[in-house]
């Protein structure tokens, strides 16, 4: 949602008391490796995917 967008390069993921969230992905990188931290909007479940 637009209100979760701080600026063109920064956003946020909010978690709610009912377990849901706004959902989204945070990507972290170092060299050729990347970590994708995925957050599901319905359950707030978090998963991490590592790529090389």
N, C-alpha and C. Protein backbone atom coordinates (compact mmCIF):
# COMPACT_ATOMS: atom_id res chain seq x y z
N UNK A 1 0.84 -1.19 0.00
CA UNK A 1 0.00 0.00 0.00
C UNK A 1 0.88 1.25 0.00
N UNK A 2 0.35 2.29 -0.54
CA UNK A 2 1.12 3.53 -0.67
C UNK A 2 1.59 4.07 0.68
N UNK A 3 0.78 3.94 1.73
CA UNK A 3 1.18 4.47 3.03
C UNK A 3 2.35 3.71 3.64
N UNK A 4 2.67 2.53 3.12
CA UNK A 4 3.82 1.76 3.60
C UNK A 4 5.07 2.04 2.78
N UNK A 5 4.99 2.97 1.87
CA UNK A 5 6.12 3.36 1.05
C UNK A 5 6.68 4.66 1.60
N UNK A 6 7.83 4.60 2.22
CA UNK A 6 8.43 5.79 2.83
C UNK A 6 8.91 6.75 1.75
N UNK A 7 9.63 6.20 0.76
CA UNK A 7 10.07 6.99 -0.40
C UNK A 7 10.30 6.02 -1.55
N UNK A 8 10.96 6.45 -2.60
CA UNK A 8 11.12 5.61 -3.80
C UNK A 8 11.95 4.36 -3.56
N UNK A 9 12.79 4.35 -2.53
CA UNK A 9 13.66 3.20 -2.29
C UNK A 9 13.45 2.54 -0.93
N UNK A 10 12.56 3.07 -0.11
CA UNK A 10 12.36 2.54 1.23
C UNK A 10 10.89 2.27 1.49
N UNK A 11 10.60 1.08 1.97
CA UNK A 11 9.23 0.72 2.33
C UNK A 11 9.23 0.09 3.70
N UNK A 12 8.09 -0.45 4.10
CA UNK A 12 8.01 -1.13 5.39
C UNK A 12 6.97 -2.23 5.30
N UNK A 13 7.13 -3.21 6.16
CA UNK A 13 6.18 -4.31 6.29
C UNK A 13 5.61 -4.22 7.69
N UNK A 14 4.29 -4.14 7.79
CA UNK A 14 3.65 -4.06 9.11
C UNK A 14 3.01 -5.40 9.45
N UNK A 15 3.07 -5.76 10.72
CA UNK A 15 2.43 -6.97 11.24
C UNK A 15 1.29 -6.55 12.16
N UNK A 16 0.16 -7.26 12.07
CA UNK A 16 -1.04 -6.90 12.82
C UNK A 16 -1.37 -7.96 13.87
N UNK A 17 -2.15 -7.58 14.91
CA UNK A 17 -2.47 -8.52 16.00
C UNK A 17 -3.18 -9.80 15.54
N UNK A 18 -3.91 -9.76 14.43
CA UNK A 18 -4.61 -10.96 13.96
C UNK A 18 -3.69 -11.92 13.21
N UNK A 19 -2.39 -11.60 13.12
CA UNK A 19 -1.42 -12.46 12.46
C UNK A 19 -1.15 -12.08 11.02
N UNK A 20 -1.95 -11.23 10.44
CA UNK A 20 -1.73 -10.82 9.06
C UNK A 20 -0.66 -9.73 9.00
N UNK A 21 -0.32 -9.34 7.79
CA UNK A 21 0.68 -8.30 7.59
C UNK A 21 0.39 -7.59 6.27
N UNK A 22 1.16 -6.58 5.99
CA UNK A 22 1.03 -5.93 4.69
C UNK A 22 1.75 -6.74 3.61
N UNK A 23 2.59 -7.70 4.02
CA UNK A 23 3.31 -8.55 3.08
C UNK A 23 4.41 -7.80 2.35
N UNK A 24 5.29 -8.55 1.74
CA UNK A 24 6.34 -7.93 0.97
C UNK A 24 7.61 -8.76 0.94
N UNK A 25 8.64 -8.18 0.40
CA UNK A 25 9.94 -8.86 0.28
C UNK A 25 11.04 -7.87 0.60
N UNK A 26 12.00 -8.35 1.38
CA UNK A 26 13.22 -7.59 1.65
C UNK A 26 14.35 -8.38 1.03
N UNK A 27 15.15 -7.75 0.19
CA UNK A 27 16.27 -8.43 -0.46
C UNK A 27 17.57 -7.87 0.09
N UNK A 28 18.40 -8.79 0.58
CA UNK A 28 19.72 -8.43 1.09
C UNK A 28 20.75 -9.06 0.17
N UNK A 29 21.82 -8.36 -0.12
CA UNK A 29 22.83 -8.90 -1.01
C UNK A 29 24.23 -8.65 -0.51
N UNK A 30 25.08 -9.59 -0.85
CA UNK A 30 26.51 -9.44 -0.57
C UNK A 30 27.25 -10.18 -1.68
N UNK A 31 27.98 -9.43 -2.49
CA UNK A 31 28.64 -10.05 -3.63
C UNK A 31 27.59 -10.63 -4.57
N UNK A 32 27.79 -11.89 -4.96
CA UNK A 32 26.85 -12.55 -5.86
C UNK A 32 25.68 -13.19 -5.12
N UNK A 33 25.72 -13.22 -3.80
CA UNK A 33 24.66 -13.88 -3.02
C UNK A 33 23.55 -12.90 -2.68
N UNK A 34 22.33 -13.43 -2.65
CA UNK A 34 21.18 -12.64 -2.24
C UNK A 34 20.31 -13.47 -1.31
N UNK A 35 19.71 -12.80 -0.35
CA UNK A 35 18.75 -13.40 0.55
C UNK A 35 17.44 -12.66 0.36
N UNK A 36 16.39 -13.39 0.04
CA UNK A 36 15.07 -12.81 -0.12
C UNK A 36 14.24 -13.20 1.10
N UNK A 37 13.87 -12.23 1.89
CA UNK A 37 13.03 -12.46 3.06
C UNK A 37 11.61 -12.12 2.63
N UNK A 38 10.78 -13.15 2.48
CA UNK A 38 9.42 -12.98 1.99
C UNK A 38 8.44 -13.03 3.15
N UNK A 39 7.48 -12.13 3.16
CA UNK A 39 6.45 -12.08 4.20
C UNK A 39 5.09 -12.20 3.53
N UNK A 40 4.34 -13.23 3.91
CA UNK A 40 3.00 -13.43 3.35
C UNK A 40 1.99 -12.49 4.00
N UNK A 41 1.14 -11.90 3.21
CA UNK A 41 0.18 -10.92 3.74
C UNK A 41 -0.91 -11.55 4.57
N UNK A 42 -1.36 -12.76 4.21
CA UNK A 42 -2.50 -13.37 4.91
C UNK A 42 -2.14 -13.86 6.30
N UNK A 43 -1.03 -14.57 6.41
CA UNK A 43 -0.66 -15.17 7.69
C UNK A 43 0.53 -14.51 8.35
N UNK A 44 1.23 -13.64 7.64
CA UNK A 44 2.44 -13.03 8.19
C UNK A 44 3.62 -13.98 8.22
N UNK A 45 3.46 -15.14 7.58
CA UNK A 45 4.53 -16.14 7.57
C UNK A 45 5.76 -15.58 6.85
N UNK A 46 6.93 -15.88 7.42
CA UNK A 46 8.20 -15.39 6.87
C UNK A 46 8.99 -16.56 6.33
N UNK A 47 9.53 -16.42 5.13
CA UNK A 47 10.42 -17.43 4.56
C UNK A 47 11.64 -16.73 3.98
N UNK A 48 12.75 -17.46 3.96
CA UNK A 48 13.99 -16.91 3.42
C UNK A 48 14.45 -17.80 2.28
N UNK A 49 14.77 -17.18 1.16
CA UNK A 49 15.29 -17.88 -0.01
C UNK A 49 16.68 -17.33 -0.28
N UNK A 50 17.67 -18.23 -0.39
CA UNK A 50 19.05 -17.83 -0.65
C UNK A 50 19.37 -18.15 -2.10
N UNK A 51 19.92 -17.18 -2.82
CA UNK A 51 20.36 -17.41 -4.20
C UNK A 51 21.85 -17.13 -4.30
N UNK A 52 22.49 -17.78 -5.24
CA UNK A 52 23.93 -17.58 -5.43
C UNK A 52 24.22 -17.25 -6.86
